[in-house]
C-alpha atoms as a PDB file:
ATOM      1  CA  ALA A   1       3.197 -11.981   8.162  1.00  0.00           C
ATOM      2  CA  ALA A   2       5.077  -8.874   9.200  1.00  0.00           C
ATOM      3  CA  ALA A   3       6.261  -9.688  12.695  1.00  0.00           C
ATOM      4  CA  GLY A   4       3.774  -8.627  15.318  1.00  0.00           C
ATOM      5  CA  MET A   5       1.318  -6.975  12.941  1.00  0.00           C
ATOM      6  CA  ASP A   6      -1.173  -9.886  12.916  1.00  0.00           C
ATOM      7  CA  GLN A   7      -3.398  -8.206  15.501  1.00  0.00           C
ATOM      8  CA  PHE A   8      -4.341  -5.609  12.878  1.00  0.00           C
ATOM      9  CA  ALA A   9      -5.509  -8.180  10.357  1.00  0.00           C
ATOM     10  CA  GLU A  10      -9.144  -7.214  10.243  1.00  0.00           C
ATOM     11  CA  LEU A  11     -10.318  -5.190   7.279  1.00  0.00           C
ATOM     12  CA  ASN A  12     -13.605  -3.429   6.794  1.00  0.00           C
ATOM     13  CA  PRO A  13     -13.573  -2.726   3.064  1.00  0.00           C
ATOM     14  CA  ASP A  14     -16.316  -0.643   1.555  1.00  0.00           C
ATOM     15  CA  ALA A  15     -17.640  -0.520  -2.002  1.00  0.00           C
ATOM     16  CA  TYR A  16     -14.714   1.699  -3.038  1.00  0.00           C
ATOM     17  CA  THR A  17     -11.887  -0.362  -1.534  1.00  0.00           C
ATOM     18  CA  MET A  18     -13.233  -3.901  -2.020  1.00  0.00           C
ATOM     19  CA  LYS A  19     -11.632  -4.420  -5.462  1.00  0.00           C
ATOM     20  CA  PHE A  20      -8.236  -3.314  -4.113  1.00  0.00           C
ATOM     21  CA  TRP A  21      -8.377  -5.859  -1.264  1.00  0.00           C
ATOM     22  CA  GLU A  22      -9.773  -8.646  -3.482  1.00  0.00           C
ATOM     23  CA  ALA A  23      -6.873  -8.149  -5.911  1.00  0.00           C
ATOM     24  CA  ALA A  24      -4.383  -8.182  -3.019  1.00  0.00           C
ATOM     25  CA  LYS A  25      -5.713 -11.600  -1.963  1.00  0.00           C
ATOM     26  CA  GLU A  26      -4.808 -12.738  -5.502  1.00  0.00           C
ATOM     27  CA  HIS A  27      -1.346 -11.148  -5.120  1.00  0.00           C
ATOM     28  CA  ARG A  28      -2.142  -8.416  -7.637  1.00  0.00           C
ATOM     29  CA  LEU A  29      -1.731  -4.687  -7.083  1.00  0.00           C
ATOM     30  CA  VAL A  30      -4.488  -2.587  -8.653  1.00  0.00           C
ATOM     31  CA  ILE A  31      -4.980   1.184  -8.629  1.00  0.00           C
ATOM     32  CA  PRO A  32      -8.220   3.021  -9.511  1.00  0.00           C
ATOM     33  CA  GLU A  33      -7.923   4.884 -12.831  1.00  0.00           C
ATOM     34  CA  CYS A  34     -10.424   7.382 -14.205  1.00  0.00           C
ATOM     35  CA  ASN A  35     -11.939   6.350 -17.531  1.00  0.00           C
ATOM     36  CA  ASN A  36     -12.661  10.029 -18.256  1.00  0.00           C
ATOM     37  CA  CYS A  37      -9.275  11.713 -17.725  1.00  0.00           C
ATOM     38  CA  GLY A  38      -6.821   8.865 -16.956  1.00  0.00           C
ATOM     39  CA  THR A  39      -5.933  10.073 -13.436  1.00  0.00           C
ATOM     40  CA  PHE A  40      -4.897   7.400 -10.918  1.00  0.00           C
ATOM     41  CA  THR A  41      -6.290   7.818  -7.416  1.00  0.00           C
ATOM     42  CA  MET A  42      -5.104   6.355  -4.129  1.00  0.00           C
ATOM     43  CA  PRO A  43      -6.537   5.594  -1.694  1.00  0.00           C
ATOM     44  CA  PRO A  44      -9.473   4.150  -3.618  1.00  0.00           C
ATOM     45  CA  THR A  45     -12.554   6.373  -3.625  1.00  0.00           C
ATOM     46  CA  GLY A  46     -15.775   6.529  -5.595  1.00  0.00           C
ATOM     47  CA  PHE A  47     -14.684   9.421  -7.785  1.00  0.00           C
ATOM     48  CA  CYS A  48     -11.698  10.847  -9.632  1.00  0.00           C
ATOM     49  CA  LYS A  49      -9.699  13.326  -7.559  1.00  0.00           C
ATOM     50  CA  GLU A  50      -9.037  15.373 -10.716  1.00  0.00           C
ATOM     51  CA  CYS A  51     -12.312  15.581 -12.682  1.00  0.00           C
ATOM     52  CA  THR A  52     -14.758  14.060 -10.124  1.00  0.00           C
ATOM     53  CA  SER A  53     -15.996  11.467 -12.623  1.00  0.00           C
ATOM     54  CA  GLN A  54     -17.388   8.331 -11.021  1.00  0.00           C
ATOM     55  CA  ASP A  55     -16.371   6.224 -14.046  1.00  0.00           C
ATOM     56  CA  LEU A  56     -13.372   4.375 -12.604  1.00  0.00           C
ATOM     57  CA  LYS A  57     -11.644   1.119 -13.458  1.00  0.00           C
ATOM     58  CA  TYR A  58      -9.034  -0.811 -11.480  1.00  0.00           C
ATOM     59  CA  THR A  59      -5.797  -1.061 -13.429  1.00  0.00           C
ATOM     60  CA  GLU A  60      -3.226  -3.703 -12.538  1.00  0.00           C
ATOM     61  CA  VAL A  61       0.266  -2.268 -12.035  1.00  0.00           C
ATOM     62  CA  PRO A  62       3.620  -4.084 -11.880  1.00  0.00           C
ATOM     63  CA  GLY A  63       4.015  -3.758  -8.104  1.00  0.00           C
ATOM     64  CA  THR A  64       7.194  -1.717  -8.247  1.00  0.00           C
ATOM     65  CA  GLY A  65       7.908   1.877  -7.385  1.00  0.00           C
ATOM     66  CA  GLU A  66      10.097   4.083  -5.275  1.00  0.00           C
ATOM     67  CA  ILE A  67      10.033   5.559  -1.818  1.00  0.00           C
ATOM     68  CA  TYR A  68       8.458   9.004  -2.053  1.00  0.00           C
ATOM     69  CA  THR A  69       8.844   9.637   1.690  1.00  0.00           C
ATOM     70  CA  PHE A  70       8.941   7.599   4.881  1.00  0.00           C
ATOM     71  CA  THR A  71       9.151   7.721   8.639  1.00  0.00           C
ATOM     72  CA  ILE A  72      10.525   5.293  11.179  1.00  0.00           C
ATOM     73  CA  ALA A  73       8.199   4.679  14.124  1.00  0.00           C
ATOM     74  CA  ARG A  74      10.413   4.149  17.141  1.00  0.00           C
ATOM     75  CA  HIS A  75       7.804   4.638  19.863  1.00  0.00           C
ATOM     76  CA  ALA A  76       4.741   2.446  20.278  1.00  0.00           C
ATOM     77  CA  VAL A  77       1.786   4.817  20.433  1.00  0.00           C
ATOM     78  CA  ILE A  78      -0.420   1.901  21.478  1.00  0.00           C
ATOM     79  CA  PRO A  79       0.767  -1.045  23.592  1.00  0.00           C
ATOM     80  CA  MET A  80       0.029  -3.624  20.849  1.00  0.00           C
ATOM     81  CA  LEU A  81       2.775  -2.081  18.707  1.00  0.00           C
ATOM     82  CA  GLN A  82       5.513  -2.387  21.323  1.00  0.00           C
ATOM     83  CA  ALA A  83       6.660  -5.724  19.894  1.00  0.00           C
ATOM     84  CA  VAL A  84       7.180  -4.330  16.379  1.00  0.00           C
ATOM     85  CA  VAL A  85       8.966  -1.009  16.906  1.00  0.00           C
ATOM     86  CA  PRO A  86      10.913   0.223  15.138  1.00  0.00           C
ATOM     87  CA  TYR A  87       9.027  -0.095  11.852  1.00  0.00           C
ATOM     88  CA  VAL A  88       8.841   1.927   8.660  1.00  0.00           C
ATOM     89  CA  ILE A  89       5.757   3.601   7.262  1.00  0.00           C
ATOM     90  CA  ALA A  90       6.501   4.583   3.671  1.00  0.00           C
ATOM     91  CA  VAL A  91       4.686   6.431   0.925  1.00  0.00           C
ATOM     92  CA  ILE A  92       5.419   4.621  -2.336  1.00  0.00           C
ATOM     93  CA  ALA A  93       5.166   6.258  -5.774  1.00  0.00           C
ATOM     94  CA  ILE A  94       3.699   3.414  -7.821  1.00  0.00           C
ATOM     95  CA  ASP A  95       5.180   2.524 -11.230  1.00  0.00           C
ATOM     96  CA  GLY A  96       2.555   2.402 -13.969  1.00  0.00           C
ATOM     97  CA  ALA A  97       0.184   4.751 -12.091  1.00  0.00           C
ATOM     98  CA  PRO A  98       1.534   8.309 -12.424  1.00  0.00           C
ATOM     99  CA  GLY A  99       0.653  10.409  -9.398  1.00  0.00           C
ATOM    100  CA  ALA A 100      -0.588   7.448  -7.331  1.00  0.00           C
ATOM    101  CA  ARG A 101       1.042   6.931  -3.976  1.00  0.00           C
ATOM    102  CA  LEU A 102       0.369   4.024  -1.651  1.00  0.00           C
ATOM    103  CA  VAL A 103       1.108   4.035   2.084  1.00  0.00           C
ATOM    104  CA  GLY A 104       2.615   0.784   3.328  1.00  0.00           C
ATOM    105  CA  ASN A 105       5.199  -0.843   5.522  1.00  0.00           C
ATOM    106  CA  MET A 106       8.764  -1.542   4.442  1.00  0.00           C
ATOM    107  CA  ILE A 107       9.818  -5.039   5.509  1.00  0.00           C
ATOM    108  CA  ASP A 108      12.868  -7.317   5.208  1.00  0.00           C
ATOM    109  CA  CYS A 109      15.353  -4.461   4.876  1.00  0.00           C
ATOM    110  CA  ASP A 110      17.781  -2.412   6.942  1.00  0.00           C
ATOM    111  CA  ILE A 111      15.540   0.461   7.968  1.00  0.00           C
ATOM    112  CA  GLU A 112      18.496   2.618   8.999  1.00  0.00           C
ATOM    113  CA  THR A 113      19.810   2.797   5.420  1.00  0.00           C
ATOM    114  CA  LEU A 114      16.519   3.526   3.606  1.00  0.00           C
ATOM    115  CA  GLN A 115      16.480   6.620   1.439  1.00  0.00           C
ATOM    116  CA  ILE A 116      13.897   8.587  -0.491  1.00  0.00           C
ATOM    117  CA  GLY A 117      14.114   7.362  -4.079  1.00  0.00           C
ATOM    118  CA  ASP A 118      15.020   3.760  -3.198  1.00  0.00           C
ATOM    119  CA  LYS A 119      13.423   1.302  -5.625  1.00  0.00           C
ATOM    120  CA  VAL A 120      10.910  -1.072  -4.045  1.00  0.00           C
ATOM    121  CA  LYS A 121       8.666  -3.983  -4.941  1.00  0.00           C
ATOM    122  CA  VAL A 122       5.431  -5.194  -3.425  1.00  0.00           C
ATOM    123  CA  VAL A 123       5.408  -8.251  -1.171  1.00  0.00           C
ATOM    124  CA  PHE A 124       1.990  -9.709  -0.418  1.00  0.00           C
ATOM    125  CA  ASP A 125       1.577 -10.614   3.241  1.00  0.00           C
ATOM    126  CA  ASP A 126      -1.081 -13.338   3.582  1.00  0.00           C
ATOM    127  CA  VAL A 127      -1.961 -12.478   7.170  1.00  0.00           C
ATOM    128  CA  ASN A 128      -4.886 -14.906   7.313  1.00  0.00           C
ATOM    129  CA  PRO A 129      -7.259 -16.543   4.793  1.00  0.00           C
ATOM    130  CA  GLU A 130      -9.353 -13.360   4.542  1.00  0.00           C
ATOM    131  CA  VAL A 131      -6.664 -10.664   4.621  1.00  0.00           C
ATOM    132  CA  THR A 132      -3.656 -10.043   2.397  1.00  0.00           C
ATOM    133  CA  ILE A 133      -1.780  -6.789   2.899  1.00  0.00           C
ATOM    134  CA  PRO A 134       0.573  -5.303   0.313  1.00  0.00           C
ATOM    135  CA  ARG A 135       3.875  -4.392   1.972  1.00  0.00           C
ATOM    136  CA  PHE A 136       7.148  -3.356   0.335  1.00  0.00           C
ATOM    137  CA  THR A 137      10.786  -4.386   0.306  1.00  0.00           C
ATOM    138  CA  LEU A 138      13.804  -3.080  -1.586  1.00  0.00           C
ATOM    139  CA  ALA A 139      13.817  -4.121  -5.239  1.00  0.00           C
END
């Protein structure tokens, strides 16, 4: 698990996010894709952000991408995070899902040298038997 992040290992998935989290438990990254217009949508919702169709499928993607943007959290806004600062919150442009961006943590890398455009790959963090969280590291 990402050091110190275990206390956040409770998910409350809904009908729209359940397939994403179930795939993560199987170490697969899936992104909702509209069957009507082909638009990929993240975070998962019940409709296409482009055409509003509710006809969506979950498409498996390779789990690679690049850093679209990121920030380094250096101050713990809540006491539970004190043990893990500094940490990186990144927005990842996902390969195989044009336009889809996934927010996640960067782990196992030198956070001071990260740059927009760096290539990344998903790392599945099996936090507990019920929760697996996709995180990212440099490819």
